[in-house]
């Protein structure tokens, strides 16, 4: 299964959620989407996860990365470092 990683600011979690839902719907659930604030049981950070390792692991498993660049992400130092 193909996988897409959505990089986003925590402040943009609703935008990431909507984008993930659209991608899943138009792909007929054939594309897995991962973003850190996903509340689904299989998504986002799991209990006990090292957030950095979880991000790296999911980046490596993904074929596509979508970076949500908004004023929110531009104001976070970690966001600028990833870009």
PDB file of N, CA and C in Angstrom:
ATOM      1  N   UNK A   1       0.840  -1.175   0.000  1.00  0.00           N
ATOM      2  CA  UNK A   1       0.000   0.000   0.000  1.00  0.00           C
ATOM      3  C   UNK A   1       0.891   1.246   0.000  1.00  0.00           C
ATOM      4  N   UNK A   2       0.503   2.218  -0.780  1.00  0.00           N
ATOM      5  CA  UNK A   2       1.224   3.491  -0.808  1.00  0.00           C
ATOM      6  C   UNK A   2       0.910   4.293   0.442  1.00  0.00           C
ATOM      7  N   UNK A   3       1.867   5.108   0.837  1.00  0.00           N
ATOM      8  CA  UNK A   3       1.711   5.895   2.057  1.00  0.00           C
ATOM      9  C   UNK A   3       2.135   7.333   1.816  1.00  0.00           C
ATOM     10  N   UNK A   4       1.350   8.262   2.372  1.00  0.00           N
ATOM     11  CA  UNK A   4       1.645   9.685   2.303  1.00  0.00           C
ATOM     12  C   UNK A   4       1.854  10.197   3.720  1.00  0.00           C
ATOM     13  N   UNK A   5       2.904  10.966   3.903  1.00  0.00           N
ATOM     14  CA  UNK A   5       3.225  11.601   5.179  1.00  0.00           C
ATOM     15  C   UNK A   5       2.848  13.065   5.068  1.00  0.00           C
ATOM     16  N   UNK A   6       2.015  13.550   5.986  1.00  0.00           N
ATOM     17  CA  UNK A   6       1.658  14.967   5.998  1.00  0.00           C
ATOM     18  C   UNK A   6       2.408  15.632   7.142  1.00  0.00           C
ATOM     19  N   UNK A   7       3.267  16.574   6.796  1.00  0.00           N
ATOM     20  CA  UNK A   7       4.001  17.361   7.784  1.00  0.00           C
ATOM     21  C   UNK A   7       3.192  18.628   8.041  1.00  0.00           C
ATOM     22  N   UNK A   8       2.919  18.896   9.332  1.00  0.00           N
ATOM     23  CA  UNK A   8       2.057  20.029   9.647  1.00  0.00           C
ATOM     24  C   UNK A   8       2.361  20.576  11.033  1.00  0.00           C
ATOM     25  N   UNK A   9       1.961  21.800  11.244  1.00  0.00           N
ATOM     26  CA  UNK A   9       2.011  22.416  12.557  1.00  0.00           C
ATOM     27  C   UNK A   9       0.852  21.869  13.379  1.00  0.00           C
ATOM     28  N   UNK A  10       1.047  21.741  14.680  1.00  0.00           N
ATOM     29  CA  UNK A  10      -0.045  21.302  15.549  1.00  0.00           C
ATOM     30  C   UNK A  10      -1.252  22.221  15.401  1.00  0.00           C
ATOM     31  N   UNK A  11      -1.003  23.498  15.186  1.00  0.00           N
ATOM     32  CA  UNK A  11      -2.096  24.455  15.010  1.00  0.00           C
ATOM     33  C   UNK A  11      -2.910  24.166  13.746  1.00  0.00           C
ATOM     34  N   UNK A  12      -2.342  23.419  12.799  1.00  0.00           N
ATOM     35  CA  UNK A  12      -3.027  23.086  11.545  1.00  0.00           C
ATOM     36  C   UNK A  12      -3.547  21.645  11.529  1.00  0.00           C
ATOM     37  N   UNK A  13      -3.728  21.057  12.706  1.00  0.00           N
ATOM     38  CA  UNK A  13      -4.147  19.641  12.756  1.00  0.00           C
ATOM     39  C   UNK A  13      -5.488  19.401  12.066  1.00  0.00           C
ATOM     40  N   UNK A  14      -6.404  20.387  12.126  1.00  0.00           N
ATOM     41  CA  UNK A  14      -7.702  20.203  11.456  1.00  0.00           C
ATOM     42  C   UNK A  14      -7.532  20.193   9.935  1.00  0.00           C
ATOM     43  N   UNK A  15      -6.640  21.006   9.426  1.00  0.00           N
ATOM     44  CA  UNK A  15      -6.369  21.024   7.985  1.00  0.00           C
ATOM     45  C   UNK A  15      -5.764  19.682   7.575  1.00  0.00           C
ATOM     46  N   UNK A  16      -4.825  19.174   8.367  1.00  0.00           N
ATOM     47  CA  UNK A  16      -4.213  17.869   8.072  1.00  0.00           C
ATOM     48  C   UNK A  16      -5.263  16.765   8.102  1.00  0.00           C
ATOM     49  N   UNK A  17      -6.168  16.824   9.059  1.00  0.00           N
ATOM     50  CA  UNK A  17      -7.235  15.816   9.178  1.00  0.00           C
ATOM     51  C   UNK A  17      -8.143  15.824   7.950  1.00  0.00           C
ATOM     52  N   UNK A  18      -8.525  17.014   7.512  1.00  0.00           N
ATOM     53  CA  UNK A  18      -9.393  17.136   6.328  1.00  0.00           C
ATOM     54  C   UNK A  18      -8.660  16.653   5.079  1.00  0.00           C
ATOM     55  N   UNK A  19      -7.416  17.064   4.918  1.00  0.00           N
ATOM     56  CA  UNK A  19      -6.629  16.633   3.760  1.00  0.00           C
ATOM     57  C   UNK A  19      -6.470  15.117   3.747  1.00  0.00           C
ATOM     58  N   UNK A  20      -6.175  14.522   4.894  1.00  0.00           N
ATOM     59  CA  UNK A  20      -6.033  13.063   4.982  1.00  0.00           C
ATOM     60  C   UNK A  20      -7.336  12.366   4.596  1.00  0.00           C
ATOM     61  N   UNK A  21      -8.455  12.887   5.071  1.00  0.00           N
ATOM     62  CA  UNK A  21      -9.755  12.286   4.749  1.00  0.00           C
ATOM     63  C   UNK A  21     -10.049  12.369   3.250  1.00  0.00           C
ATOM     64  N   UNK A  22      -9.706  13.491   2.635  1.00  0.00           N
ATOM     65  CA  UNK A  22      -9.921  13.648   1.191  1.00  0.00           C
ATOM     66  C   UNK A  22      -9.057  12.659   0.417  1.00  0.00           C
ATOM     67  N   UNK A  23      -7.794  12.542   0.793  1.00  0.00           N
ATOM     68  CA  UNK A  23      -6.892  11.611   0.100  1.00  0.00           C
ATOM     69  C   UNK A  23      -7.395  10.177   0.233  1.00  0.00           C
ATOM     70  N   UNK A  24      -7.786   9.798   1.445  1.00  0.00           N
ATOM     71  CA  UNK A  24      -8.297   8.431   1.659  1.00  0.00           C
ATOM     72  C   UNK A  24      -9.549   8.188   0.822  1.00  0.00           C
ATOM     73  N   UNK A  25     -10.435   9.173   0.793  1.00  0.00           N
ATOM     74  CA  UNK A  25     -11.697   9.007   0.059  1.00  0.00           C
ATOM     75  C   UNK A  25     -11.475   8.889  -1.446  1.00  0.00           C
ATOM     76  N   UNK A  26     -10.663   9.774  -2.024  1.00  0.00           N
ATOM     77  CA  UNK A  26     -10.489   9.730  -3.479  1.00  0.00           C
ATOM     78  C   UNK A  26      -9.632   8.536  -3.916  1.00  0.00           C
ATOM     79  N   UNK A  27      -8.853   7.973  -2.978  1.00  0.00           N
ATOM     80  CA  UNK A  27      -8.051   6.791  -3.323  1.00  0.00           C
ATOM     81  C   UNK A  27      -8.783   5.501  -2.987  1.00  0.00           C
ATOM     82  N   UNK A  28     -10.035   5.623  -2.536  1.00  0.00           N
ATOM     83  CA  UNK A  28     -10.831   4.457  -2.123  1.00  0.00           C
ATOM     84  C   UNK A  28     -10.101   3.646  -1.052  1.00  0.00           C
ATOM     85  N   UNK A  29      -9.486   4.380  -0.112  1.00  0.00           N
ATOM     86  CA  UNK A  29      -8.761   3.791   1.020  1.00  0.00           C
ATOM     87  C   UNK A  29      -7.523   2.993   0.591  1.00  0.00           C
ATOM     88  N   UNK A  30      -7.049   3.203  -0.634  1.00  0.00           N
ATOM     89  CA  UNK A  30      -5.867   2.499  -1.124  1.00  0.00           C
ATOM     90  C   UNK A  30      -4.566   3.194  -0.719  1.00  0.00           C
ATOM     91  N   UNK A  31      -4.665   4.419  -0.256  1.00  0.00           N
ATOM     92  CA  UNK A  31      -3.490   5.162   0.177  1.00  0.00           C
ATOM     93  C   UNK A  31      -3.595   5.388   1.677  1.00  0.00           C
ATOM     94  N   UNK A  32      -2.546   4.995   2.390  1.00  0.00           N
ATOM     95  CA  UNK A  32      -2.467   5.245   3.824  1.00  0.00           C
ATOM     96  C   UNK A  32      -1.901   6.643   4.022  1.00  0.00           C
ATOM     97  N   UNK A  33      -2.463   7.375   4.955  1.00  0.00           N
ATOM     98  CA  UNK A  33      -1.997   8.724   5.241  1.00  0.00           C
ATOM     99  C   UNK A  33      -1.596   8.783   6.715  1.00  0.00           C
ATOM    100  N   UNK A  34      -0.402   9.312   6.978  1.00  0.00           N
ATOM    101  CA  UNK A  34       0.063   9.458   8.359  1.00  0.00           C
ATOM    102  C   UNK A  34       0.342  10.920   8.647  1.00  0.00           C
ATOM    103  N   UNK A  35      -0.187  11.385   9.778  1.00  0.00           N
ATOM    104  CA  UNK A  35       0.155  12.707  10.302  1.00  0.00           C
ATOM    105  C   UNK A  35       0.120  12.609  11.817  1.00  0.00           C
ATOM    106  N   UNK A  36       0.931  13.391  12.482  1.00  0.00           N
ATOM    107  CA  UNK A  36       1.181  13.206  13.908  1.00  0.00           C
ATOM    108  C   UNK A  36      -0.041  13.395  14.797  1.00  0.00           C
ATOM    109  N   UNK A  37      -0.996  14.218  14.399  1.00  0.00           N
ATOM    110  CA  UNK A  37      -2.163  14.471  15.241  1.00  0.00           C
ATOM    111  C   UNK A  37      -3.368  13.623  14.887  1.00  0.00           C
ATOM    112  N   UNK A  38      -3.148  12.538  14.147  1.00  0.00           N
ATOM    113  CA  UNK A  38      -4.237  11.637  13.782  1.00  0.00           C
ATOM    114  C   UNK A  38      -4.730  10.932  15.047  1.00  0.00           C
ATOM    115  N   UNK A  39      -6.022  11.032  15.335  1.00  0.00           N
ATOM    116  CA  UNK A  39      -6.599  10.419  16.529  1.00  0.00           C
ATOM    117  C   UNK A  39      -7.035   8.971  16.317  1.00  0.00           C
ATOM    118  N   UNK A  40      -6.960   8.481  15.089  1.00  0.00           N
ATOM    119  CA  UNK A  40      -7.345   7.093  14.823  1.00  0.00           C
ATOM    120  C   UNK A  40      -6.413   6.153  15.578  1.00  0.00           C
ATOM    121  N   UNK A  41      -6.914   4.982  15.918  1.00  0.00           N
ATOM    122  CA  UNK A  41      -6.135   4.029  16.721  1.00  0.00           C
ATOM    123  C   UNK A  41      -4.803   3.685  16.074  1.00  0.00           C
ATOM    124  N   UNK A  42      -4.764   3.604  14.746  1.00  0.00           N
ATOM    125  CA  UNK A  42      -3.536   3.223  14.049  1.00  0.00           C
ATOM    126  C   UNK A  42      -2.714   4.418  13.585  1.00  0.00           C
ATOM    127  N   UNK A  43      -3.197   5.629  13.848  1.00  0.00           N
ATOM    128  CA  UNK A  43      -2.521   6.806  13.317  1.00  0.00           C
ATOM    129  C   UNK A  43      -1.832   7.639  14.371  1.00  0.00           C
ATOM    130  N   UNK A  44      -1.102   8.622  13.895  1.00  0.00           N
ATOM    131  CA  UNK A  44      -0.437   9.558  14.793  1.00  0.00           C
ATOM    132  C   UNK A  44       0.544   8.888  15.738  1.00  0.00           C
ATOM    133  N   UNK A  45       0.856   9.588  16.798  1.00  0.00           N
ATOM    134  CA  UNK A  45       1.764   9.034  17.801  1.00  0.00           C
ATOM    135  C   UNK A  45       1.001   8.040  18.671  1.00  0.00           C
ATOM    136  N   UNK A  46       1.632   6.911  18.931  1.00  0.00           N
ATOM    137  CA  UNK A  46       1.042   5.912  19.811  1.00  0.00           C
ATOM    138  C   UNK A  46       1.600   6.093  21.214  1.00  0.00           C
ATOM    139  N   UNK A  47       0.884   5.590  22.205  1.00  0.00           N
ATOM    140  CA  UNK A  47       1.336   5.712  23.594  1.00  0.00           C
ATOM    141  C   UNK A  47       2.748   5.160  23.730  1.00  0.00           C
ATOM    142  N   UNK A  48       3.612   5.937  24.329  1.00  0.00           N
ATOM    143  CA  UNK A  48       4.987   5.506  24.543  1.00  0.00           C
ATOM    144  C   UNK A  48       5.920   5.749  23.372  1.00  0.00           C
ATOM    145  N   UNK A  49       5.401   6.233  22.260  1.00  0.00           N
ATOM    146  CA  UNK A  49       6.248   6.510  21.093  1.00  0.00           C
ATOM    147  C   UNK A  49       7.240   7.626  21.392  1.00  0.00           C
ATOM    148  N   UNK A  50       8.434   7.465  20.892  1.00  0.00           N
ATOM    149  CA  UNK A  50       9.386   8.562  20.839  1.00  0.00           C
ATOM    150  C   UNK A  50       8.988   9.353  19.600  1.00  0.00           C
ATOM    151  N   UNK A  51       8.570  10.601  19.768  1.00  0.00           N
ATOM    152  CA  UNK A  51       7.998  11.344  18.644  1.00  0.00           C
ATOM    153  C   UNK A  51       8.970  11.479  17.487  1.00  0.00           C
ATOM    154  N   UNK A  52      10.246  11.699  17.774  1.00  0.00           N
ATOM    155  CA  UNK A  52      11.228  11.852  16.709  1.00  0.00           C
ATOM    156  C   UNK A  52      11.375  10.549  15.922  1.00  0.00           C
ATOM    157  N   UNK A  53      11.491   9.435  16.622  1.00  0.00           N
ATOM    158  CA  UNK A  53      11.627   8.132  15.955  1.00  0.00           C
ATOM    159  C   UNK A  53      10.376   7.781  15.157  1.00  0.00           C
ATOM    160  N   UNK A  54       9.195   8.127  15.690  1.00  0.00           N
ATOM    161  CA  UNK A  54       7.951   7.854  14.970  1.00  0.00           C
ATOM    162  C   UNK A  54       7.891   8.650  13.669  1.00  0.00           C
ATOM    163  N   UNK A  55       8.323   9.900  13.716  1.00  0.00           N
ATOM    164  CA  UNK A  55       8.337  10.732  12.504  1.00  0.00           C
ATOM    165  C   UNK A  55       9.305  10.148  11.482  1.00  0.00           C
ATOM    166  N   UNK A  56      10.519   9.812  11.910  1.00  0.00           N
ATOM    167  CA  UNK A  56      11.519   9.260  10.985  1.00  0.00           C
ATOM    168  C   UNK A  56      11.029   7.946  10.386  1.00  0.00           C
ATOM    169  N   UNK A  57      10.476   7.069  11.220  1.00  0.00           N
ATOM    170  CA  UNK A  57       9.970   5.777  10.741  1.00  0.00           C
ATOM    171  C   UNK A  57       8.884   5.967   9.680  1.00  0.00           C
ATOM    172  N   UNK A  58       7.930   6.849   9.961  1.00  0.00           N
ATOM    173  CA  UNK A  58       6.844   7.067   9.007  1.00  0.00           C
ATOM    174  C   UNK A  58       7.298   7.798   7.760  1.00  0.00           C
ATOM    175  N   UNK A  59       8.277   8.679   7.886  1.00  0.00           N
ATOM    176  CA  UNK A  59       8.854   9.304   6.686  1.00  0.00           C
ATOM    177  C   UNK A  59       9.493   8.262   5.782  1.00  0.00           C
ATOM    178  N   UNK A  60      10.255   7.339   6.373  1.00  0.00           N
ATOM    179  CA  UNK A  60      10.928   6.300   5.582  1.00  0.00           C
ATOM    180  C   UNK A  60       9.938   5.364   4.903  1.00  0.00           C
ATOM    181  N   UNK A  61       8.780   5.147   5.528  1.00  0.00           N
ATOM    182  CA  UNK A  61       7.767   4.245   4.968  1.00  0.00           C
ATOM    183  C   UNK A  61       6.919   4.915   3.891  1.00  0.00           C
ATOM    184  N   UNK A  62       7.022   6.231   3.753  1.00  0.00           N
ATOM    185  CA  UNK A  62       6.159   6.982   2.839  1.00  0.00           C
ATOM    186  C   UNK A  62       6.806   7.177   1.481  1.00  0.00           C
ATOM    187  N   UNK A  63       5.963   7.158   0.461  1.00  0.00           N
ATOM    188  CA  UNK A  63       6.416   7.421  -0.898  1.00  0.00           C
ATOM    189  C   UNK A  63       6.273   8.902  -1.258  1.00  0.00           C
ATOM    190  N   UNK A  64       5.407   9.609  -0.511  1.00  0.00           N
ATOM    191  CA  UNK A  64       5.121  11.014  -0.791  1.00  0.00           C
ATOM    192  C   UNK A  64       5.069  11.775   0.531  1.00  0.00           C
ATOM    193  N   UNK A  65       5.591  13.001   0.517  1.00  0.00           N
ATOM    194  CA  UNK A  65       5.488  13.890   1.672  1.00  0.00           C
ATOM    195  C   UNK A  65       4.765  15.150   1.223  1.00  0.00           C
ATOM    196  N   UNK A  66       3.753  15.524   1.993  1.00  0.00           N
ATOM    197  CA  UNK A  66       3.056  16.785   1.762  1.00  0.00           C
ATOM    198  C   UNK A  66       3.387  17.681   2.944  1.00  0.00           C
ATOM    199  N   UNK A  67       3.960  18.840   2.667  1.00  0.00           N
ATOM    200  CA  UNK A  67       4.283  19.798   3.723  1.00  0.00           C
ATOM    201  C   UNK A  67       3.243  20.908   3.709  1.00  0.00           C
ATOM    202  N   UNK A  68       2.482  21.014   4.785  1.00  0.00           N
ATOM    203  CA  UNK A  68       1.509  22.094   4.909  1.00  0.00           C
ATOM    204  C   UNK A  68       2.252  23.326   5.408  1.00  0.00           C
ATOM    205  N   UNK A  69       2.531  24.220   4.504  1.00  0.00           N
ATOM    206  CA  UNK A  69       3.256  25.439   4.849  1.00  0.00           C
ATOM    207  C   UNK A  69       2.251  26.570   5.014  1.00  0.00           C
ATOM    208  N   UNK A  70       2.071  26.980   6.241  1.00  0.00           N
ATOM    209  CA  UNK A  70       1.122  28.027   6.587  1.00  0.00           C
ATOM    210  C   UNK A  70       1.822  29.015   7.515  1.00  0.00           C
ATOM    211  N   UNK A  71       1.189  30.127   7.818  1.00  0.00           N
ATOM    212  CA  UNK A  71       1.792  31.024   8.810  1.00  0.00           C
ATOM    213  C   UNK A  71       2.074  30.305  10.139  1.00  0.00           C
ATOM    214  N   UNK A  72       1.262  29.311  10.493  1.00  0.00           N
ATOM    215  CA  UNK A  72       1.494  28.560  11.723  1.00  0.00           C
ATOM    216  C   UNK A  72       2.802  27.777  11.663  1.00  0.00           C
ATOM    217  N   UNK A  73       3.045  27.111  10.544  1.00  0.00           N
ATOM    218  CA  UNK A  73       4.275  26.322  10.436  1.00  0.00           C
ATOM    219  C   UNK A  73       5.489  27.229  10.320  1.00  0.00           C
ATOM    220  N   UNK A  74       5.312  28.377   9.726  1.00  0.00           N
ATOM    221  CA  UNK A  74       6.415  29.304   9.562  1.00  0.00           C
ATOM    222  C   UNK A  74       6.880  29.887  10.897  1.00  0.00           C
ATOM    223  N   UNK A  75       5.994  29.881  11.894  1.00  0.00           N
ATOM    224  CA  UNK A  75       6.321  30.432  13.213  1.00  0.00           C
ATOM    225  C   UNK A  75       6.936  29.411  14.159  1.00  0.00           C
ATOM    226  N   UNK A  76       7.097  28.168  13.722  1.00  0.00           N
ATOM    227  CA  UNK A  76       7.687  27.136  14.571  1.00  0.00           C
ATOM    228  C   UNK A  76       9.113  26.862  14.100  1.00  0.00           C
ATOM    229  N   UNK A  77      10.051  26.923  15.013  1.00  0.00           N
ATOM    230  CA  UNK A  77      11.435  26.667  14.630  1.00  0.00           C
ATOM    231  C   UNK A  77      11.627  25.255  14.102  1.00  0.00           C
ATOM    232  N   UNK A  78      10.968  24.269  14.710  1.00  0.00           N
ATOM    233  CA  UNK A  78      11.134  22.891  14.243  1.00  0.00           C
ATOM    234  C   UNK A  78      10.560  22.741  12.832  1.00  0.00           C
ATOM    235  N   UNK A  79       9.484  23.475  12.535  1.00  0.00           N
ATOM    236  CA  UNK A  79       8.912  23.425  11.199  1.00  0.00           C
ATOM    237  C   UNK A  79       9.873  23.973  10.149  1.00  0.00           C
ATOM    238  N   UNK A  80      10.513  25.084  10.478  1.00  0.00           N
ATOM    239  CA  UNK A  80      11.487  25.660   9.544  1.00  0.00           C
ATOM    240  C   UNK A  80      12.673  24.730   9.365  1.00  0.00           C
ATOM    241  N   UNK A  81      13.058  24.040  10.419  1.00  0.00           N
ATOM    242  CA  UNK A  81      14.207  23.120  10.322  1.00  0.00           C
ATOM    243  C   UNK A  81      13.897  21.940   9.421  1.00  0.00           C
ATOM    244  N   UNK A  82      12.654  21.447   9.442  1.00  0.00           N
ATOM    245  CA  UNK A  82      12.280  20.316   8.594  1.00  0.00           C
ATOM    246  C   UNK A  82      12.254  20.703   7.126  1.00  0.00           C
ATOM    247  N   UNK A  83      11.796  21.910   6.828  1.00  0.00           N
ATOM    248  CA  UNK A  83      11.715  22.359   5.449  1.00  0.00           C
ATOM    249  C   UNK A  83      13.113  22.585   4.931  1.00  0.00           C
TER     250      UNK A  83
END
